[in-house]
Amino acid sequence: MQSWDRPPPDIGVAAFFEQWLPEAFAKSSRRGPLEGPVVRATISGEGGGAWELAVSDDELSVTTPRREP
């Protein structure tokens, strides 16, 4: 990872959500609520997809949705 606060310009959408974002959150030393909301991000077009993001204390988990919106 080049920098925890800025993704590389050529990063793919899946790599951004599944790898870079959780790593950046961990390196930021920030904490979230014990049971924060689940947020779904849906990106259309080539390389797009859907991801659910949830913060629990010091971890950002990113998963694929169980069903489509």
PDB file of N, CA and C in Angstrom:
ATOM      1  N   MET A   1       0.855  -1.170   0.000  1.00  0.00           N
ATOM      2  CA  MET A   1       0.000   0.000   0.000  1.00  0.00           C
ATOM      3  C   MET A   1       0.900   1.233   0.000  1.00  0.00           C
ATOM      4  N   GLN A   2       0.678   2.130  -0.956  1.00  0.00           N
ATOM      5  CA  GLN A   2       1.498   3.327  -1.062  1.00  0.00           C
ATOM      6  C   GLN A   2       1.245   4.276   0.102  1.00  0.00           C
ATOM      7  N   SER A   3       0.020   4.651   0.309  1.00  0.00           N
ATOM      8  CA  SER A   3      -0.340   5.581   1.367  1.00  0.00           C
ATOM      9  C   SER A   3      -1.688   5.159   1.919  1.00  0.00           C
ATOM     10  N   TRP A   4      -1.810   5.173   3.230  1.00  0.00           N
ATOM     11  CA  TRP A   4      -3.074   4.716   3.811  1.00  0.00           C
ATOM     12  C   TRP A   4      -4.205   5.706   3.580  1.00  0.00           C
ATOM     13  N   ASP A   5      -3.891   6.974   3.266  1.00  0.00           N
ATOM     14  CA  ASP A   5      -4.963   7.967   3.137  1.00  0.00           C
ATOM     15  C   ASP A   5      -5.308   8.348   1.695  1.00  0.00           C
ATOM     16  N   ARG A   6      -4.711   7.684   0.728  1.00  0.00           N
ATOM     17  CA  ARG A   6      -5.038   7.975  -0.670  1.00  0.00           C
ATOM     18  C   ARG A   6      -4.795   6.722  -1.516  1.00  0.00           C
ATOM     19  N   PRO A   7      -5.838   6.211  -2.152  1.00  0.00           N
ATOM     20  CA  PRO A   7      -5.638   5.007  -2.972  1.00  0.00           C
ATOM     21  C   PRO A   7      -4.828   5.327  -4.224  1.00  0.00           C
ATOM     22  N   PRO A   8      -4.149   4.330  -4.770  1.00  0.00           N
ATOM     23  CA  PRO A   8      -3.408   4.564  -6.006  1.00  0.00           C
ATOM     24  C   PRO A   8      -4.386   4.913  -7.137  1.00  0.00           C
ATOM     25  N   PRO A   9      -3.963   5.744  -8.079  1.00  0.00           N
ATOM     26  CA  PRO A   9      -4.877   6.192  -9.127  1.00  0.00           C
ATOM     27  C   PRO A   9      -5.367   5.076 -10.044  1.00  0.00           C
ATOM     28  N   ASP A  10      -4.620   3.991 -10.156  1.00  0.00           N
ATOM     29  CA  ASP A  10      -5.003   2.922 -11.073  1.00  0.00           C
ATOM     30  C   ASP A  10      -5.668   1.730 -10.378  1.00  0.00           C
ATOM     31  N   ILE A  11      -6.126   1.897  -9.155  1.00  0.00           N
ATOM     32  CA  ILE A  11      -6.728   0.787  -8.411  1.00  0.00           C
ATOM     33  C   ILE A  11      -8.088   0.424  -9.009  1.00  0.00           C
ATOM     34  N   GLY A  12      -8.366  -0.860  -9.076  1.00  0.00           N
ATOM     35  CA  GLY A  12      -9.660  -1.319  -9.554  1.00  0.00           C
ATOM     36  C   GLY A  12     -10.720  -1.158  -8.466  1.00  0.00           C
ATOM     37  N   VAL A  13     -11.960  -1.168  -8.888  1.00  0.00           N
ATOM     38  CA  VAL A  13     -13.057  -0.960  -7.939  1.00  0.00           C
ATOM     39  C   VAL A  13     -13.078  -2.058  -6.871  1.00  0.00           C
ATOM     40  N   ALA A  14     -12.982  -3.322  -7.279  1.00  0.00           N
ATOM     41  CA  ALA A  14     -13.012  -4.426  -6.314  1.00  0.00           C
ATOM     42  C   ALA A  14     -11.835  -4.335  -5.343  1.00  0.00           C
ATOM     43  N   ALA A  15     -10.646  -4.043  -5.852  1.00  0.00           N
ATOM     44  CA  ALA A  15      -9.466  -3.940  -4.986  1.00  0.00           C
ATOM     45  C   ALA A  15      -9.615  -2.777  -4.005  1.00  0.00           C
ATOM     46  N   PHE A  16     -10.251  -1.693  -4.445  1.00  0.00           N
ATOM     47  CA  PHE A  16     -10.476  -0.557  -3.551  1.00  0.00           C
ATOM     48  C   PHE A  16     -11.333  -0.965  -2.362  1.00  0.00           C
ATOM     49  N   PHE A  17     -12.467  -1.597  -2.639  1.00  0.00           N
ATOM     50  CA  PHE A  17     -13.369  -1.972  -1.556  1.00  0.00           C
ATOM     51  C   PHE A  17     -12.860  -3.149  -0.735  1.00  0.00           C
ATOM     52  N   GLU A  18     -12.316  -4.165  -1.376  1.00  0.00           N
ATOM     53  CA  GLU A  18     -11.985  -5.413  -0.685  1.00  0.00           C
ATOM     54  C   GLU A  18     -10.615  -5.401  -0.016  1.00  0.00           C
ATOM     55  N   GLN A  19      -9.687  -4.580  -0.498  1.00  0.00           N
ATOM     56  CA  GLN A  19      -8.337  -4.588   0.063  1.00  0.00           C
ATOM     57  C   GLN A  19      -7.931  -3.230   0.621  1.00  0.00           C
ATOM     58  N   TRP A  20      -7.926  -2.209  -0.245  1.00  0.00           N
ATOM     59  CA  TRP A  20      -7.395  -0.919   0.175  1.00  0.00           C
ATOM     60  C   TRP A  20      -8.202  -0.284   1.304  1.00  0.00           C
ATOM     61  N   LEU A  21      -9.516  -0.241   1.190  1.00  0.00           N
ATOM     62  CA  LEU A  21     -10.337   0.442   2.191  1.00  0.00           C
ATOM     63  C   LEU A  21     -10.206  -0.168   3.583  1.00  0.00           C
ATOM     64  N   PRO A  22     -10.311  -1.508   3.740  1.00  0.00           N
ATOM     65  CA  PRO A  22     -10.116  -2.078   5.085  1.00  0.00           C
ATOM     66  C   PRO A  22      -8.711  -1.825   5.638  1.00  0.00           C
ATOM     67  N   GLU A  23      -7.693  -1.917   4.785  1.00  0.00           N
ATOM     68  CA  GLU A  23      -6.323  -1.665   5.244  1.00  0.00           C
ATOM     69  C   GLU A  23      -6.140  -0.207   5.658  1.00  0.00           C
ATOM     70  N   ALA A  24      -6.702   0.711   4.879  1.00  0.00           N
ATOM     71  CA  ALA A  24      -6.591   2.134   5.209  1.00  0.00           C
ATOM     72  C   ALA A  24      -7.304   2.440   6.518  1.00  0.00           C
ATOM     73  N   PHE A  25      -8.459   1.835   6.749  1.00  0.00           N
ATOM     74  CA  PHE A  25      -9.174   2.051   7.999  1.00  0.00           C
ATOM     75  C   PHE A  25      -8.338   1.571   9.178  1.00  0.00           C
ATOM     76  N   ALA A  26      -7.753   0.392   9.041  1.00  0.00           N
ATOM     77  CA  ALA A  26      -6.923  -0.156  10.125  1.00  0.00           C
ATOM     78  C   ALA A  26      -5.715   0.744  10.402  1.00  0.00           C
ATOM     79  N   LYS A  27      -5.083   1.250   9.352  1.00  0.00           N
ATOM     80  CA  LYS A  27      -3.896   2.091   9.531  1.00  0.00           C
ATOM     81  C   LYS A  27      -4.229   3.491  10.027  1.00  0.00           C
ATOM     82  N   SER A  28      -5.480   3.900   9.901  1.00  0.00           N
ATOM     83  CA  SER A  28      -5.863   5.242  10.343  1.00  0.00           C
ATOM     84  C   SER A  28      -5.987   5.341  11.858  1.00  0.00           C
ATOM     85  N   SER A  29      -6.030   4.210  12.542  1.00  0.00           N
ATOM     86  CA  SER A  29      -6.186   4.140  13.999  1.00  0.00           C
ATOM     87  C   SER A  29      -7.506   4.729  14.485  1.00  0.00           C
ATOM     88  N   ARG A  30      -8.475   4.829  13.614  1.00  0.00           N
ATOM     89  CA  ARG A  30      -9.791   5.311  14.016  1.00  0.00           C
ATOM     90  C   ARG A  30     -10.623   4.154  14.528  1.00  0.00           C
ATOM     91  N   ARG A  31     -11.616   4.493  15.328  1.00  0.00           N
ATOM     92  CA  ARG A  31     -12.518   3.483  15.863  1.00  0.00           C
ATOM     93  C   ARG A  31     -13.934   3.869  15.476  1.00  0.00           C
ATOM     94  N   GLY A  32     -14.720   2.865  15.193  1.00  0.00           N
ATOM     95  CA  GLY A  32     -16.118   3.101  14.876  1.00  0.00           C
ATOM     96  C   GLY A  32     -16.988   2.661  16.037  1.00  0.00           C
ATOM     97  N   PRO A  33     -18.293   2.825  15.913  1.00  0.00           N
ATOM     98  CA  PRO A  33     -19.195   2.360  16.959  1.00  0.00           C
ATOM     99  C   PRO A  33     -19.141   0.837  17.063  1.00  0.00           C
ATOM    100  N   LEU A  34     -19.506   0.316  18.211  1.00  0.00           N
ATOM    101  CA  LEU A  34     -19.474  -1.144  18.383  1.00  0.00           C
ATOM    102  C   LEU A  34     -20.377  -1.846  17.385  1.00  0.00           C
ATOM    103  N   GLU A  35     -21.520  -1.259  17.088  1.00  0.00           N
ATOM    104  CA  GLU A  35     -22.424  -1.850  16.097  1.00  0.00           C
ATOM    105  C   GLU A  35     -22.930  -0.755  15.179  1.00  0.00           C
ATOM    106  N   GLY A  36     -22.090  -0.352  14.243  1.00  0.00           N
ATOM    107  CA  GLY A  36     -22.462   0.688  13.297  1.00  0.00           C
ATOM    108  C   GLY A  36     -23.384   0.149  12.222  1.00  0.00           C
ATOM    109  N   PRO A  37     -23.954   1.032  11.406  1.00  0.00           N
ATOM    110  CA  PRO A  37     -24.844   0.589  10.334  1.00  0.00           C
ATOM    111  C   PRO A  37     -24.078  -0.126   9.238  1.00  0.00           C
ATOM    112  N   VAL A  38     -24.784  -0.922   8.472  1.00  0.00           N
ATOM    113  CA  VAL A  38     -24.220  -1.548   7.279  1.00  0.00           C
ATOM    114  C   VAL A  38     -24.555  -0.630   6.106  1.00  0.00           C
ATOM    115  N   VAL A  39     -23.542  -0.301   5.316  1.00  0.00           N
ATOM    116  CA  VAL A  39     -23.715   0.573   4.167  1.00  0.00           C
ATOM    117  C   VAL A  39     -23.415  -0.239   2.914  1.00  0.00           C
ATOM    118  N   ARG A  40     -24.313  -0.149   1.931  1.00  0.00           N
ATOM    119  CA  ARG A  40     -24.083  -0.857   0.670  1.00  0.00           C
ATOM    120  C   ARG A  40     -23.638   0.137  -0.383  1.00  0.00           C
ATOM    121  N   ALA A  41     -22.553  -0.200  -1.068  1.00  0.00           N
ATOM    122  CA  ALA A  41     -22.066   0.603  -2.186  1.00  0.00           C
ATOM    123  C   ALA A  41     -22.256  -0.216  -3.452  1.00  0.00           C
ATOM    124  N   THR A  42     -22.915   0.368  -4.440  1.00  0.00           N
ATOM    125  CA  THR A  42     -23.142  -0.297  -5.716  1.00  0.00           C
ATOM    126  C   THR A  42     -22.546   0.570  -6.810  1.00  0.00           C
ATOM    127  N   ILE A  43     -21.633  -0.001  -7.569  1.00  0.00           N
ATOM    128  CA  ILE A  43     -20.966   0.708  -8.658  1.00  0.00           C
ATOM    129  C   ILE A  43     -21.368   0.035  -9.964  1.00  0.00           C
ATOM    130  N   SER A  44     -21.935   0.816 -10.881  1.00  0.00           N
ATOM    131  CA  SER A  44     -22.338   0.253 -12.169  1.00  0.00           C
ATOM    132  C   SER A  44     -21.209   0.394 -13.180  1.00  0.00           C
ATOM    133  N   GLY A  45     -21.331  -0.288 -14.276  1.00  0.00           N
ATOM    134  CA  GLY A  45     -20.346  -0.197 -15.348  1.00  0.00           C
ATOM    135  C   GLY A  45     -19.273  -1.258 -15.240  1.00  0.00           C
ATOM    136  N   GLU A  46     -18.325  -1.168 -16.136  1.00  0.00           N
ATOM    137  CA  GLU A  46     -17.245  -2.146 -16.203  1.00  0.00           C
ATOM    138  C   GLU A  46     -16.439  -2.159 -14.906  1.00  0.00           C
ATOM    139  N   GLY A  47     -16.253  -3.329 -14.352  1.00  0.00           N
ATOM    140  CA  GLY A  47     -15.503  -3.481 -13.111  1.00  0.00           C
ATOM    141  C   GLY A  47     -16.312  -3.182 -11.872  1.00  0.00           C
ATOM    142  N   GLY A  48     -17.572  -2.828 -12.043  1.00  0.00           N
ATOM    143  CA  GLY A  48     -18.429  -2.487 -10.913  1.00  0.00           C
ATOM    144  C   GLY A  48     -18.863  -3.711 -10.128  1.00  0.00           C
ATOM    145  N   GLY A  49     -19.704  -3.468  -9.160  1.00  0.00           N
ATOM    146  CA  GLY A  49     -20.205  -4.541  -8.310  1.00  0.00           C
ATOM    147  C   GLY A  49     -20.913  -3.940  -7.113  1.00  0.00           C
ATOM    148  N   ALA A  50     -21.166  -4.765  -6.122  1.00  0.00           N
ATOM    149  CA  ALA A  50     -21.834  -4.305  -4.903  1.00  0.00           C
ATOM    150  C   ALA A  50     -21.082  -4.841  -3.697  1.00  0.00           C
ATOM    151  N   TRP A  51     -20.983  -4.001  -2.665  1.00  0.00           N
ATOM    152  CA  TRP A  51     -20.284  -4.354  -1.442  1.00  0.00           C
ATOM    153  C   TRP A  51     -21.048  -3.801  -0.259  1.00  0.00           C
ATOM    154  N   GLU A  52     -20.998  -4.525   0.842  1.00  0.00           N
ATOM    155  CA  GLU A  52     -21.574  -4.047   2.099  1.00  0.00           C
ATOM    156  C   GLU A  52     -20.428  -3.764   3.055  1.00  0.00           C
ATOM    157  N   LEU A  53     -20.438  -2.572   3.635  1.00  0.00           N
ATOM    158  CA  LEU A  53     -19.379  -2.130   4.532  1.00  0.00           C
ATOM    159  C   LEU A  53     -19.955  -1.954   5.924  1.00  0.00           C
ATOM    160  N   ALA A  54     -19.247  -2.467   6.915  1.00  0.00           N
ATOM    161  CA  ALA A  54     -19.680  -2.327   8.309  1.00  0.00           C
ATOM    162  C   ALA A  54     -18.457  -2.106   9.191  1.00  0.00           C
ATOM    163  N   VAL A  55     -18.576  -1.149  10.100  1.00  0.00           N
ATOM    164  CA  VAL A  55     -17.509  -0.871  11.052  1.00  0.00           C
ATOM    165  C   VAL A  55     -17.933  -1.402  12.406  1.00  0.00           C
ATOM    166  N   SER A  56     -17.030  -2.104  13.046  1.00  0.00           N
ATOM    167  CA  SER A  56     -17.267  -2.584  14.399  1.00  0.00           C
ATOM    168  C   SER A  56     -15.999  -2.329  15.199  1.00  0.00           C
ATOM    169  N   ASP A  57     -16.036  -1.312  16.010  1.00  0.00           N
ATOM    170  CA  ASP A  57     -14.908  -0.909  16.845  1.00  0.00           C
ATOM    171  C   ASP A  57     -13.713  -0.533  15.974  1.00  0.00           C
ATOM    172  N   ASP A  58     -12.715  -1.411  15.828  1.00  0.00           N
ATOM    173  CA  ASP A  58     -11.506  -1.045  15.080  1.00  0.00           C
ATOM    174  C   ASP A  58     -11.359  -1.793  13.765  1.00  0.00           C
ATOM    175  N   GLU A  59     -12.433  -2.378  13.254  1.00  0.00           N
ATOM    176  CA  GLU A  59     -12.350  -3.156  12.024  1.00  0.00           C
ATOM    177  C   GLU A  59     -13.432  -2.733  11.043  1.00  0.00           C
ATOM    178  N   LEU A  60     -13.041  -2.586   9.777  1.00  0.00           N
ATOM    179  CA  LEU A  60     -13.983  -2.345   8.694  1.00  0.00           C
ATOM    180  C   LEU A  60     -14.096  -3.634   7.916  1.00  0.00           C
ATOM    181  N   SER A  61     -15.277  -4.216   7.916  1.00  0.00           N
ATOM    182  CA  SER A  61     -15.463  -5.444   7.144  1.00  0.00           C
ATOM    183  C   SER A  61     -16.208  -5.111   5.856  1.00  0.00           C
ATOM    184  N   VAL A  62     -15.775  -5.741   4.789  1.00  0.00           N
ATOM    185  CA  VAL A  62     -16.370  -5.539   3.476  1.00  0.00           C
ATOM    186  C   VAL A  62     -16.762  -6.914   2.951  1.00  0.00           C
ATOM    187  N   THR A  63     -18.036  -7.059   2.620  1.00  0.00           N
ATOM    188  CA  THR A  63     -18.540  -8.329   2.098  1.00  0.00           C
ATOM    189  C   THR A  63     -19.389  -8.057   0.866  1.00  0.00           C
ATOM    190  N   THR A  64     -19.654  -9.099   0.111  1.00  0.00           N
ATOM    191  CA  THR A  64     -20.591  -8.966  -0.997  1.00  0.00           C
ATOM    192  C   THR A  64     -21.992  -9.164  -0.445  1.00  0.00           C
ATOM    193  N   PRO A  65     -22.964  -8.449  -0.983  1.00  0.00           N
ATOM    194  CA  PRO A  65     -24.331  -8.539  -0.457  1.00  0.00           C
ATOM    195  C   PRO A  65     -24.908  -9.940  -0.629  1.00  0.00           C
ATOM    196  N   ARG A  66     -25.781 -10.272   0.286  1.00  0.00           N
ATOM    197  CA  ARG A  66     -26.449 -11.571   0.220  1.00  0.00           C
ATOM    198  C   ARG A  66     -27.540 -11.585  -0.831  1.00  0.00           C
ATOM    199  N   ARG A  67     -28.057 -10.416  -1.152  1.00  0.00           N
ATOM    200  CA  ARG A  67     -29.065 -10.323  -2.214  1.00  0.00           C
ATOM    201  C   ARG A  67     -28.910  -8.987  -2.915  1.00  0.00           C
ATOM    202  N   GLU A  68     -29.421  -8.909  -4.127  1.00  0.00           N
ATOM    203  CA  GLU A  68     -29.354  -7.668  -4.887  1.00  0.00           C
ATOM    204  C   GLU A  68     -30.357  -6.656  -4.356  1.00  0.00           C
ATOM    205  N   PRO A  69     -30.048  -5.348  -4.508  1.00  0.00           N
ATOM    206  CA  PRO A  69     -30.983  -4.306  -4.020  1.00  0.00           C
ATOM    207  C   PRO A  69     -32.290  -4.308  -4.785  1.00  0.00           C
TER     208      PRO A  69
END
